[in-house]
Amino acid sequence: MRLFFLCCLLLFAGCRDREPLLLEGETPTLPVSGDTFIEASIGEPSNLLPVLASDSASADISALVYNGLIRYDKNLNLEGELAESWKISEDNLTITFHLRKNVRWHDGAPFTSADVLYTYQLYTDPKTPTAYAESYRQVARAEAPDPYIFKVTYDKPYAPALASWGVSILPRHLLVGTEITKSPLSRKPVGTGPYRFVDWKPGESLVLEANPDYFEGSPYIRRVLYRVIPDLSTQFLELQSGGLDFMGLTPIQYQTQTDTLAFKRRFNKYRYLAFGYSYLGYNLKRPLFQDKRVRQAIAHAIDKQEIIDGVLLGLGQAATGPYKPDTWVYNPQVKRYPYDPARARELLAEAGWRDTDGDGVLDREGHRFSFTIVTNQGNDLRVKSAEIIQRRLQEIGIEVKIRVIEWASFLKEFINPGNFDATILGWTGGPEPDQYNIWHSSKTGPRELNFIGFNHAEVDDLLERGRRTFDQAERKVIYDRFQEVLAEEQPYTFLYVSDALPVVARRFRGVEPSPAGIRHNFIKWYVPEEEQKYLK
């Protein structure tokens, strides 16, 4: 999801903690081509057709293979990508995109407005099993009057309209007339992006190579290798041994295992507030969690600061809702749930939960208060958070079991079909605050993003109004109330916003920390010829 649909405008002014880019005695060099960049993913990509994928592993790869019409620059301002320019009508209902000429797909076919029109049609086709159709269903009319003009008209104002055209554009000539779920492009993608697909060994690795015909110039790094390594500790060992050039460090790795001169000579570390948050989400279709007093009680029973200190080692902040604390849309006045076991017990008693048989576990009408938290394998932060939550809930009479599942099975067998009690997961965000796909009651179907089954009439109304409002001050009022309702209802216990802690092998130059993070200019990264490790 070149994506990601979840959204918050980051006002962060740059990485606030990073090692110097040059060691003493080093001098800047001119960019040259060559070398291989190796990184790891804890999960196997699910599908390399972005319309069908919703996992970060697939999104990371798709971001290098495909382009959208527009994108966010390093300062989180919209700029053209496949579109050279655009014009928005005075009534905010029509956008006319003027497309780049001489852009080619990786197989050599020319890119035209027909590809954009096809992508729109694919997303809005009821037969396409995608979670991301909503933005494109807002379009009343889409036209391609010229090979290099694409025009969309909306019946009603739609604030996320322009940003939505950051969607990956797909090749019409390879997909039209085919059943999208059976397309070979799900395993062998063809895009217009800076890197071309080369090879995928399931469970092992995926290789991309620089596109020599890329319209912005061929990337300097010649090859990108993704390795599937489902454990962050193993990734760290590979990083230290030279088997990886990049990874997101865990807090303990950042704080205690990389603070040596030897490590600093080989790697640059960065730190900044991440674009997403972690949460404990409740399956609201399960009777156990349908009383908001129960959800509020659990929120009071969880010590978020304990998790931040014990799991993140202080490298993060408490989350109170779906927006980051350093954004214009964030509401600092929402109801909070300080750690208060006594209040948690009171709320549970009000909801009818008492320990009638003296076994230490609350019960009601013959049912014990017992549930299972599921989370994905390879993310120790989530597992450790679950263990702390398990211990704290045990203290107020709730029995919690923890189940850790391999990523693909986790999505297929538990999350997508709604086969879970509660889950610890995270959402990654971007600058647009529209949350329709995650919280609107119409998005609770199979493979959609409101998989907890949240259904609230006022939230539906707020989300619908928020996406129709362009004035930021008016949107702020709407989204402030949206956060207040979520805080009251507690469909998630919002846990924390962690610091991003990426580390990059020092031989890579051109890394430019910015409000958008460090990957925004990846095609400009390079390795001086004398430092290149992989020459073929």
Protein backbone atom coordinates (compact mmCIF):
# COMPACT_ATOMS: atom_id res chain seq x y z
CA MET A 1 0.00 0.00 0.00
CA ARG A 2 2.02 2.67 -1.23
CA LEU A 3 -0.23 3.86 0.94
CA PHE A 4 -0.81 3.82 4.01
CA PHE A 5 -4.42 5.00 4.44
CA LEU A 6 -3.95 5.74 8.14
CA CYS A 7 -2.86 9.31 8.51
CA CYS A 8 -1.39 12.13 10.55
CA LEU A 9 0.51 15.24 9.48
CA LEU A 10 4.01 14.99 10.89
CA LEU A 11 5.44 18.31 12.01
CA PHE A 12 8.65 16.68 13.15
CA ALA A 13 11.63 18.79 12.10
CA GLY A 14 14.17 16.04 11.45
CA CYS A 15 15.83 13.11 13.16
CA ARG A 16 16.57 14.20 16.69
CA ASP A 17 19.24 11.63 17.45
CA ARG A 18 21.65 10.34 14.87
CA GLU A 19 25.33 9.54 14.56
CA PRO A 20 27.51 11.82 12.40
CA LEU A 21 27.33 10.93 8.74
CA LEU A 22 31.09 11.21 8.32
CA LEU A 23 33.79 9.95 10.62
CA GLU A 24 36.82 12.09 11.29
CA GLY A 25 39.02 12.05 8.23
CA GLU A 26 36.24 11.11 5.81
CA THR A 27 35.44 13.45 2.95
CA PRO A 28 32.34 13.76 0.78
CA THR A 29 32.45 11.86 -2.52
CA LEU A 30 30.63 12.08 -5.84
CA PRO A 31 27.78 9.62 -6.41
CA VAL A 32 28.61 6.49 -8.41
CA SER A 33 26.58 3.46 -9.42
CA GLY A 34 26.98 -0.04 -8.11
CA ASP A 35 26.72 -2.29 -5.04
CA THR A 36 23.81 -4.10 -3.40
CA PHE A 37 21.59 -2.94 -0.54
CA ILE A 38 20.46 -5.81 1.69
CA GLU A 39 17.60 -5.55 4.16
CA ALA A 40 15.31 -7.98 5.91
CA SER A 41 11.63 -8.49 6.50
CA ILE A 42 10.10 -10.50 9.33
CA GLY A 43 7.35 -11.67 6.98
CA GLU A 44 7.01 -12.99 3.46
CA PRO A 45 5.27 -10.56 1.07
CA SER A 46 1.69 -11.65 0.52
CA ASN A 47 1.13 -10.19 -2.95
CA LEU A 48 3.08 -7.82 -5.18
CA LEU A 49 -0.04 -6.37 -6.76
CA PRO A 50 -0.70 -3.45 -4.38
CA VAL A 51 -4.45 -3.56 -5.01
CA LEU A 52 -4.54 -6.97 -3.29
CA ALA A 53 -1.96 -6.55 -0.52
CA SER A 54 -2.29 -5.00 2.94
CA ASP A 55 0.97 -6.02 4.62
CA SER A 56 4.09 -3.94 5.10
CA ALA A 57 6.43 -6.48 3.49
CA SER A 58 4.53 -6.24 0.21
CA ALA A 59 4.24 -2.46 0.52
CA ASP A 60 7.99 -1.95 0.98
CA ILE A 61 8.74 -3.78 -2.26
CA SER A 62 5.88 -2.24 -4.21
CA ALA A 63 7.12 1.24 -3.28
CA LEU A 64 10.26 0.60 -5.34
CA VAL A 65 8.54 -1.18 -8.24
CA TYR A 66 5.57 1.13 -8.83
CA ASN A 67 4.80 4.85 -8.98
CA GLY A 68 1.72 6.92 -8.21
CA LEU A 69 0.59 10.08 -9.93
CA ILE A 70 1.69 12.09 -6.90
CA ARG A 71 3.74 11.49 -3.74
CA TYR A 72 4.85 13.22 -0.57
CA ASP A 73 8.25 14.92 -0.68
CA LYS A 74 10.74 14.94 2.16
CA ASN A 75 8.80 17.71 3.92
CA LEU A 76 5.47 15.92 3.48
CA ASN A 77 4.24 18.26 0.76
CA LEU A 78 2.54 16.74 -2.28
CA GLU A 79 4.55 16.74 -5.50
CA GLY A 80 4.19 15.13 -8.91
CA GLU A 81 5.49 11.65 -9.64
CA LEU A 82 3.93 10.17 -12.79
CA ALA A 83 2.01 13.44 -13.05
CA GLU A 84 4.04 16.46 -14.13
CA SER A 85 1.36 18.80 -12.88
CA TRP A 86 -2.31 19.00 -11.97
CA LYS A 87 -5.08 21.54 -11.77
CA ILE A 88 -7.98 21.55 -9.30
CA SER A 89 -11.21 23.29 -10.29
CA GLU A 90 -12.49 26.21 -8.23
CA ASP A 91 -15.28 24.09 -6.78
CA ASN A 92 -12.75 21.41 -5.69
CA LEU A 93 -14.67 18.76 -7.62
CA THR A 94 -12.40 18.13 -10.63
CA ILE A 95 -8.69 17.30 -10.81
CA THR A 96 -6.94 17.29 -14.18
CA PHE A 97 -3.58 15.52 -14.19
CA HIS A 98 -0.99 16.15 -16.88
CA LEU A 99 1.15 13.03 -17.11
CA ARG A 100 4.83 12.62 -17.83
CA LYS A 101 5.74 11.59 -21.34
CA ASN A 102 8.35 8.98 -22.24
CA VAL A 103 7.74 6.88 -19.11
CA ARG A 104 7.92 3.16 -19.80
CA TRP A 105 6.85 0.05 -17.99
CA HIS A 106 9.61 -2.36 -17.06
CA ASP A 107 8.73 -4.50 -20.11
CA GLY A 108 9.24 -1.49 -22.41
CA ALA A 109 5.58 -0.64 -23.08
CA PRO A 110 4.70 3.08 -22.86
CA PHE A 111 2.87 4.43 -19.82
CA THR A 112 -0.28 6.43 -20.69
CA SER A 113 -3.48 7.70 -19.13
CA ALA A 114 -5.11 4.40 -20.13
CA ASP A 115 -3.11 2.75 -17.34
CA VAL A 116 -4.42 5.25 -14.80
CA LEU A 117 -7.99 4.80 -15.97
CA TYR A 118 -7.59 1.02 -15.80
CA THR A 119 -6.20 1.24 -12.26
CA TYR A 120 -9.21 3.31 -11.21
CA GLN A 121 -11.57 0.80 -12.84
CA LEU A 122 -9.79 -2.10 -11.15
CA TYR A 123 -10.12 -0.58 -7.68
CA THR A 124 -13.81 0.16 -8.16
CA ASP A 125 -14.67 -3.22 -9.71
CA PRO A 126 -16.85 -5.14 -7.20
CA LYS A 127 -15.02 -8.31 -8.22
CA THR A 128 -11.67 -6.94 -7.02
CA PRO A 129 -11.03 -8.08 -3.41
CA THR A 130 -9.36 -4.91 -2.18
CA ALA A 131 -9.52 -2.98 1.07
CA TYR A 132 -8.77 0.31 -0.70
CA ALA A 133 -11.68 0.93 -3.05
CA GLU A 134 -13.36 3.58 -0.94
CA SER A 135 -11.37 6.60 -2.16
CA TYR A 136 -12.00 5.70 -5.80
CA ARG A 137 -15.70 5.04 -5.31
CA GLN A 138 -15.96 8.73 -4.49
CA VAL A 139 -15.17 9.51 -8.14
CA ALA A 140 -18.28 10.29 -10.21
CA ARG A 141 -16.44 10.26 -13.54
CA ALA A 142 -12.93 9.30 -14.66
CA GLU A 143 -11.68 10.16 -18.14
CA ALA A 144 -8.57 9.75 -20.24
CA PRO A 145 -9.23 12.25 -23.06
CA ASP A 146 -5.61 12.23 -24.16
CA PRO A 147 -2.75 9.72 -23.67
CA TYR A 148 -1.18 12.16 -21.23
CA ILE A 149 -4.23 13.67 -19.53
CA PHE A 150 -6.26 12.00 -16.79
CA LYS A 151 -9.28 13.73 -15.33
CA VAL A 152 -11.45 12.83 -12.34
CA THR A 153 -14.66 14.51 -11.20
CA TYR A 154 -16.35 14.11 -7.82
CA ASP A 155 -20.02 14.67 -6.99
CA LYS A 156 -19.12 16.00 -3.55
CA PRO A 157 -16.00 17.65 -2.14
CA TYR A 158 -13.52 14.98 -1.05
CA ALA A 159 -10.60 16.29 0.99
CA PRO A 160 -8.29 13.25 0.54
CA ALA A 161 -8.87 13.26 -3.24
CA LEU A 162 -5.49 14.53 -4.41
CA ALA A 163 -3.48 12.44 -1.94
CA SER A 164 -5.42 9.31 -2.97
CA TRP A 165 -3.73 9.44 -6.38
CA GLY A 166 -0.51 8.37 -4.75
CA VAL A 167 -1.90 4.88 -5.37
CA SER A 168 0.38 2.58 -7.37
CA ILE A 169 -0.58 2.72 -11.04
CA LEU A 170 -0.81 -0.73 -12.64
CA PRO A 171 -0.07 -1.85 -16.22
CA ARG A 172 -3.29 -2.13 -18.22
CA HIS A 173 -1.71 -4.05 -21.08
CA LEU A 174 -0.70 -6.90 -18.74
CA LEU A 175 -3.84 -7.07 -16.61
CA VAL A 176 -6.87 -6.09 -18.69
CA GLY A 177 -9.18 -9.02 -19.36
CA THR A 178 -7.55 -11.21 -16.70
CA GLU A 179 -8.78 -12.33 -13.31
CA ILE A 180 -6.74 -10.11 -11.00
CA THR A 181 -6.40 -12.69 -8.23
CA LYS A 182 -4.77 -15.13 -10.64
CA SER A 183 -2.41 -12.72 -12.37
CA PRO A 184 1.26 -13.77 -12.50
CA LEU A 185 2.10 -10.16 -11.61
CA SER A 186 1.29 -11.00 -8.00
CA ARG A 187 4.58 -12.90 -7.99
CA LYS A 188 6.44 -11.12 -10.82
CA PRO A 189 5.42 -7.45 -10.78
CA VAL A 190 5.94 -5.03 -13.67
CA GLY A 191 5.91 -1.36 -12.77
CA THR A 192 7.33 1.98 -13.84
CA GLY A 193 9.37 2.46 -10.67
CA PRO A 194 13.07 2.84 -9.94
CA TYR A 195 13.61 -0.90 -9.46
CA ARG A 196 12.64 -3.92 -11.55
CA PHE A 197 11.70 -7.33 -10.22
CA VAL A 198 14.31 -10.05 -10.77
CA ASP A 199 13.67 -13.08 -8.57
CA TRP A 200 11.68 -14.35 -5.59
CA LYS A 201 12.66 -17.41 -3.61
CA PRO A 202 9.70 -18.05 -1.29
CA GLY A 203 10.67 -18.01 2.35
CA GLU A 204 14.18 -16.82 1.54
CA SER A 205 14.71 -13.70 -0.52
CA LEU A 206 13.52 -11.31 -3.19
CA VAL A 207 15.77 -9.39 -5.59
CA LEU A 208 15.21 -6.08 -7.39
CA GLU A 209 17.61 -4.37 -9.79
CA ALA A 210 17.94 -0.72 -10.77
CA ASN A 211 15.76 0.38 -13.68
CA PRO A 212 18.17 1.97 -16.20
CA ASP A 213 15.25 3.70 -17.94
CA TYR A 214 13.70 5.24 -14.84
CA PHE A 215 12.32 8.69 -15.66
CA GLU A 216 14.08 10.34 -12.72
CA GLY A 217 17.37 8.66 -13.57
CA SER A 218 18.55 5.18 -12.70
CA PRO A 219 19.16 4.66 -8.96
CA TYR A 220 22.80 4.58 -7.95
CA ILE A 221 22.39 1.38 -5.91
CA ARG A 222 22.30 -1.33 -8.52
CA ARG A 223 20.51 -4.07 -6.63
CA VAL A 224 18.19 -4.41 -3.62
CA LEU A 225 17.99 -7.75 -1.84
CA TYR A 226 15.23 -8.49 0.65
CA ARG A 227 15.85 -11.41 2.98
CA VAL A 228 13.03 -13.07 4.90
CA ILE A 229 14.30 -13.33 8.49
CA PRO A 230 11.35 -13.78 10.87
CA ASP A 231 13.23 -12.83 14.03
CA LEU A 232 14.70 -9.43 14.93
CA SER A 233 17.49 -10.95 17.04
CA THR A 234 18.60 -13.02 14.06
CA GLN A 235 18.40 -9.91 11.87
CA PHE A 236 20.70 -8.10 14.29
CA LEU A 237 23.24 -10.92 14.16
CA GLU A 238 23.12 -10.75 10.37
CA LEU A 239 23.59 -6.98 10.50
CA GLN A 240 26.67 -7.33 12.68
CA SER A 241 28.15 -10.04 10.48
CA GLY A 242 27.65 -7.99 7.31
CA GLY A 243 24.67 -9.95 6.00
CA LEU A 244 22.38 -6.91 6.22
CA ASP A 245 22.92 -3.23 5.46
CA PHE A 246 19.76 -1.91 7.09
CA MET A 247 17.26 -2.77 9.81
CA GLY A 248 15.00 -1.17 12.35
CA LEU A 249 16.65 -1.73 15.72
CA THR A 250 14.79 -2.82 18.79
CA PRO A 251 15.11 -0.46 21.78
CA ILE A 252 17.56 -2.74 23.59
CA GLN A 253 19.67 -3.02 20.46
CA TYR A 254 19.65 0.74 20.04
CA GLN A 255 20.37 1.57 23.67
CA THR A 256 22.81 -1.10 24.80
CA GLN A 257 24.11 -3.22 21.92
CA THR A 258 25.20 -0.62 19.38
CA ASP A 259 26.91 2.00 21.52
CA THR A 260 30.45 0.92 20.65
CA LEU A 261 33.11 2.54 18.52
CA ALA A 262 33.33 -0.60 16.39
CA PHE A 263 29.60 -0.41 15.57
CA LYS A 264 29.72 3.34 14.93
CA ARG A 265 32.55 2.89 12.46
CA ARG A 266 30.34 0.61 10.38
CA PHE A 267 26.83 2.02 10.81
CA ASN A 268 24.82 5.23 11.18
CA LYS A 269 21.95 5.19 13.67
CA TYR A 270 18.84 7.39 13.45
CA ARG A 271 15.98 8.08 15.83
CA TYR A 272 12.65 9.82 15.28
CA LEU A 273 9.01 9.39 16.28
CA ALA A 274 7.51 6.75 14.03
CA PHE A 275 4.55 7.23 11.73
CA GLY A 276 2.35 4.71 13.51
CA TYR A 277 1.17 3.28 16.81
CA SER A 278 0.66 -0.06 18.52
CA TYR A 279 -2.62 -1.12 20.07
CA LEU A 280 -4.55 -3.88 21.79
CA GLY A 281 -7.63 -4.34 19.62
CA TYR A 282 -10.78 -6.14 20.74
CA ASN A 283 -13.01 -8.28 18.54
CA LEU A 284 -16.24 -6.42 19.19
CA LYS A 285 -18.29 -9.25 17.73
CA ARG A 286 -17.35 -11.35 20.77
CA PRO A 287 -19.81 -10.88 23.67
CA LEU A 288 -16.92 -10.54 26.12
CA PHE A 289 -15.95 -7.11 24.77
CA GLN A 290 -19.27 -5.57 23.81
CA ASP A 291 -19.68 -3.58 27.05
CA LYS A 292 -17.47 -0.48 26.88
CA ARG A 293 -17.05 -0.61 30.66
CA VAL A 294 -15.07 -3.80 30.17
CA ARG A 295 -12.83 -2.16 27.60
CA GLN A 296 -12.38 0.88 29.83
CA ALA A 297 -11.52 -1.38 32.75
CA ILE A 298 -8.81 -3.10 30.75
CA ALA A 299 -7.43 0.30 29.76
CA HIS A 300 -7.19 1.26 33.45
CA ALA A 301 -5.52 -2.06 34.27
CA ILE A 302 -2.71 -1.54 31.75
CA ASP A 303 0.22 0.65 32.75
CA LYS A 304 1.29 2.15 29.42
CA GLN A 305 4.35 3.79 30.94
CA GLU A 306 5.45 0.40 32.25
CA ILE A 307 5.35 -0.89 28.67
CA ILE A 308 7.16 2.17 27.32
CA ASP A 309 9.87 1.91 29.98
CA GLY A 310 10.15 -1.88 30.06
CA VAL A 311 9.67 -2.76 26.40
CA LEU A 312 10.68 0.41 24.54
CA LEU A 313 13.31 1.45 27.13
CA GLY A 314 11.73 4.89 27.08
CA LEU A 315 12.00 5.26 23.31
CA GLY A 316 8.41 6.17 22.65
CA GLN A 317 5.31 7.95 23.91
CA ALA A 318 1.91 6.86 25.19
CA ALA A 319 -0.78 6.72 22.50
CA THR A 320 -4.21 8.15 23.25
CA GLY A 321 -5.75 7.66 19.81
CA PRO A 322 -4.88 7.10 16.16
CA TYR A 323 -2.85 10.28 15.64
CA LYS A 324 0.71 11.07 16.64
CA PRO A 325 1.24 13.65 19.39
CA ASP A 326 3.27 15.97 17.13
CA THR A 327 0.57 16.48 14.50
CA TRP A 328 -1.98 19.22 13.84
CA VAL A 329 -4.86 16.78 14.09
CA TYR A 330 -3.89 15.35 17.49
CA ASN A 331 -6.32 16.11 20.34
CA PRO A 332 -4.49 16.27 23.70
CA GLN A 333 -7.75 16.75 25.64
CA VAL A 334 -9.28 13.29 25.18
CA LYS A 335 -10.25 11.10 28.11
CA ARG A 336 -7.27 9.25 29.51
CA TYR A 337 -7.02 6.01 31.44
CA PRO A 338 -4.27 6.23 34.06
CA TYR A 339 -3.12 2.99 35.61
CA ASP A 340 -5.75 2.35 38.27
CA PRO A 341 -6.51 -1.31 39.14
CA ALA A 342 -9.10 -0.29 41.73
CA ARG A 343 -11.09 1.66 39.15
CA ALA A 344 -10.73 -1.27 36.74
CA ARG A 345 -12.28 -3.63 39.30
CA GLU A 346 -15.14 -1.17 39.92
CA LEU A 347 -15.97 -0.97 36.21
CA LEU A 348 -15.86 -4.74 35.86
CA ALA A 349 -18.18 -5.14 38.85
CA GLU A 350 -20.58 -2.64 37.30
CA ALA A 351 -20.57 -4.79 34.18
CA GLY A 352 -21.45 -7.88 36.25
CA TRP A 353 -18.03 -9.51 36.56
CA ARG A 354 -17.22 -10.92 40.01
CA ASP A 355 -15.20 -13.82 41.37
CA THR A 356 -18.10 -15.87 42.69
CA ASP A 357 -16.18 -19.12 43.20
CA GLY A 358 -12.98 -17.73 44.70
CA ASP A 359 -10.65 -19.13 42.05
CA GLY A 360 -9.05 -15.74 41.35
CA VAL A 361 -10.75 -15.33 37.96
CA LEU A 362 -13.81 -13.15 37.44
CA ASP A 363 -16.96 -14.80 36.15
CA ARG A 364 -20.45 -13.87 35.02
CA GLU A 365 -23.39 -16.14 34.38
CA GLY A 366 -21.14 -19.18 34.57
CA HIS A 367 -18.51 -17.85 32.14
CA ARG A 368 -14.95 -17.12 33.21
CA PHE A 369 -13.32 -13.88 32.07
CA SER A 370 -10.69 -15.54 29.94
CA PHE A 371 -9.46 -14.61 26.48
CA THR A 372 -6.49 -14.99 24.14
CA ILE A 373 -4.32 -12.24 22.69
CA VAL A 374 -2.93 -13.13 19.28
CA THR A 375 0.02 -11.37 17.71
CA ASN A 376 2.56 -12.02 15.00
CA GLN A 377 5.82 -13.87 15.22
CA GLY A 378 9.06 -11.94 14.86
CA ASN A 379 8.06 -8.81 16.78
CA ASP A 380 9.36 -9.12 20.33
CA LEU A 381 7.98 -5.71 21.28
CA ARG A 382 4.44 -6.95 20.75
CA VAL A 383 5.09 -10.24 22.53
CA LYS A 384 6.65 -8.51 25.53
CA SER A 385 3.80 -6.01 25.62
CA ALA A 386 1.36 -8.91 25.66
CA GLU A 387 3.21 -10.50 28.58
CA ILE A 388 3.05 -7.29 30.63
CA ILE A 389 -0.65 -6.92 29.83
CA GLN A 390 -1.23 -10.56 30.76
CA ARG A 391 0.35 -10.02 34.18
CA ARG A 392 -1.54 -6.80 34.91
CA LEU A 393 -4.91 -8.25 33.88
CA GLN A 394 -4.29 -11.32 36.03
CA GLU A 395 -4.03 -8.97 39.01
CA ILE A 396 -7.63 -7.81 38.48
CA GLY A 397 -9.02 -11.29 37.86
CA ILE A 398 -8.80 -11.64 34.08
CA GLU A 399 -7.13 -14.70 32.61
CA VAL A 400 -5.15 -13.96 29.44
CA LYS A 401 -3.47 -16.42 27.13
CA ILE A 402 -0.98 -15.40 24.46
CA ARG A 403 -0.62 -16.97 21.05
CA VAL A 404 2.19 -15.95 18.68
CA ILE A 405 1.65 -16.89 15.04
CA GLU A 406 3.71 -16.80 11.84
CA TRP A 407 2.79 -13.68 9.84
CA ALA A 408 1.10 -15.22 6.79
CA SER A 409 -0.97 -17.61 8.93
CA PHE A 410 -1.73 -14.81 11.37
CA LEU A 411 -3.37 -12.76 8.62
CA LYS A 412 -5.02 -15.61 6.74
CA GLU A 413 -6.35 -17.69 9.60
CA PHE A 414 -6.98 -15.14 12.34
CA ILE A 415 -7.16 -11.46 11.38
CA ASN A 416 -8.82 -11.59 7.95
CA PRO A 417 -11.61 -14.00 9.00
CA GLY A 418 -12.05 -12.33 12.41
CA ASN A 419 -11.02 -15.48 14.26
CA PHE A 420 -9.58 -13.89 17.42
CA ASP A 421 -10.52 -12.46 20.82
CA ALA A 422 -7.99 -9.63 20.94
CA THR A 423 -4.84 -8.76 19.05
CA ILE A 424 -1.76 -6.63 19.46
CA LEU A 425 -0.92 -4.96 16.16
CA GLY A 426 0.08 -1.59 14.78
CA TRP A 427 -0.96 0.83 12.07
CA THR A 428 1.50 2.87 10.03
CA GLY A 429 0.42 6.36 9.03
CA GLY A 430 0.92 9.22 6.65
CA PRO A 431 -0.01 12.88 6.37
CA GLU A 432 -3.75 12.62 5.49
CA PRO A 433 -5.94 12.25 8.64
CA ASP A 434 -8.85 10.41 7.00
CA GLN A 435 -9.51 7.17 8.93
CA TYR A 436 -12.56 5.95 7.03
CA ASN A 437 -11.12 2.58 5.96
CA ILE A 438 -10.20 1.60 9.50
CA TRP A 439 -13.12 2.87 11.58
CA HIS A 440 -16.23 3.25 9.43
CA SER A 441 -18.89 0.61 10.02
CA SER A 442 -19.09 -0.15 6.29
CA LYS A 443 -15.52 -1.51 6.39
CA THR A 444 -16.06 -4.58 8.54
CA GLY A 445 -16.28 -7.14 5.72
CA PRO A 446 -13.81 -9.91 4.88
CA ARG A 447 -10.26 -8.61 4.31
CA GLU A 448 -11.32 -5.05 5.17
CA LEU A 449 -9.51 -2.96 7.73
CA ASN A 450 -12.17 -2.51 10.41
CA PHE A 451 -11.65 -6.15 11.31
CA ILE A 452 -12.53 -5.58 14.99
CA GLY A 453 -16.12 -4.79 13.94
CA PHE A 454 -16.40 -1.26 15.37
CA ASN A 455 -19.82 0.24 14.62
CA HIS A 456 -20.68 3.71 15.90
CA ALA A 457 -23.15 6.04 14.21
CA GLU A 458 -21.49 9.27 15.37
CA VAL A 459 -18.06 8.10 14.25
CA ASP A 460 -19.49 7.19 10.85
CA ASP A 461 -20.92 10.69 10.57
CA LEU A 462 -17.68 12.37 11.69
CA LEU A 463 -15.61 10.37 9.22
CA GLU A 464 -17.99 11.22 6.40
CA ARG A 465 -17.92 14.93 7.30
CA GLY A 466 -14.16 14.98 7.77
CA ARG A 467 -13.48 13.76 4.27
CA ARG A 468 -15.85 16.37 2.79
CA THR A 469 -14.21 19.31 4.58
CA PHE A 470 -11.21 21.14 3.14
CA ASP A 471 -10.68 23.85 5.75
CA GLN A 472 -8.09 22.58 8.24
CA ALA A 473 -9.63 24.40 11.22
CA GLU A 474 -13.02 22.84 10.49
CA ARG A 475 -11.43 19.42 10.00
CA LYS A 476 -9.66 19.84 13.33
CA VAL A 477 -12.99 20.25 15.13
CA ILE A 478 -14.35 17.12 13.44
CA TYR A 479 -11.33 14.95 14.13
CA ASP A 480 -11.03 16.22 17.70
CA ARG A 481 -14.52 14.88 18.34
CA PHE A 482 -13.66 11.64 16.51
CA GLN A 483 -10.78 11.10 18.94
CA GLU A 484 -13.01 11.90 21.92
CA VAL A 485 -15.48 9.19 20.91
CA LEU A 486 -12.73 6.62 20.39
CA ALA A 487 -11.27 7.50 23.78
CA GLU A 488 -14.66 6.98 25.42
CA GLU A 489 -15.51 3.78 23.54
CA GLN A 490 -12.01 2.20 23.73
CA PRO A 491 -12.40 -0.21 20.78
CA TYR A 492 -8.62 -0.32 21.00
CA THR A 493 -6.47 0.24 24.01
CA PHE A 494 -4.02 2.57 22.28
CA LEU A 495 -0.65 1.58 23.71
CA TYR A 496 2.28 3.58 22.37
CA VAL A 497 3.87 5.48 19.52
CA SER A 498 7.40 4.10 19.31
CA ASP A 499 10.52 5.80 18.05
CA ALA A 500 11.74 4.58 14.67
CA LEU A 501 15.30 3.35 15.13
CA PRO A 502 16.75 2.60 11.69
CA VAL A 503 20.42 1.79 11.19
CA VAL A 504 22.24 1.98 7.84
CA ALA A 505 25.65 0.66 6.89
CA ARG A 506 28.02 3.62 6.85
CA ARG A 507 29.28 2.93 3.35
CA PHE A 508 25.95 4.22 2.00
CA ARG A 509 26.07 7.95 1.36
CA GLY A 510 23.31 10.40 0.48
CA VAL A 511 21.07 9.48 3.43
CA GLU A 512 19.09 12.62 4.23
CA PRO A 513 17.02 12.65 7.45
CA SER A 514 13.83 14.68 7.05
CA PRO A 515 10.21 14.89 8.28
CA ALA A 516 9.44 12.00 5.93
CA GLY A 517 12.10 9.79 7.51
CA ILE A 518 15.26 8.58 5.76
CA ARG A 519 14.04 6.54 2.78
CA HIS A 520 12.45 9.38 0.79
CA ASN A 521 15.52 9.82 -1.47
CA PHE A 522 16.62 6.19 -1.66
CA ILE A 523 17.36 6.41 -5.40
CA LYS A 524 20.04 9.00 -4.56
CA TRP A 525 21.85 6.80 -2.04
CA TYR A 526 25.19 5.50 -3.27
CA VAL A 527 28.41 3.77 -2.19
CA PRO A 528 31.83 5.16 -3.14
CA GLU A 529 33.46 2.81 -5.60
CA GLU A 530 36.32 1.89 -3.27
CA GLU A 531 33.83 0.85 -0.55
CA GLN A 532 31.49 -1.26 -2.69
CA LYS A 533 31.11 -4.83 -1.45
CA TYR A 534 29.16 -6.42 -4.28
CA LEU A 535 30.67 -5.67 -7.67
CA LYS A 536 28.61 -8.06 -9.82
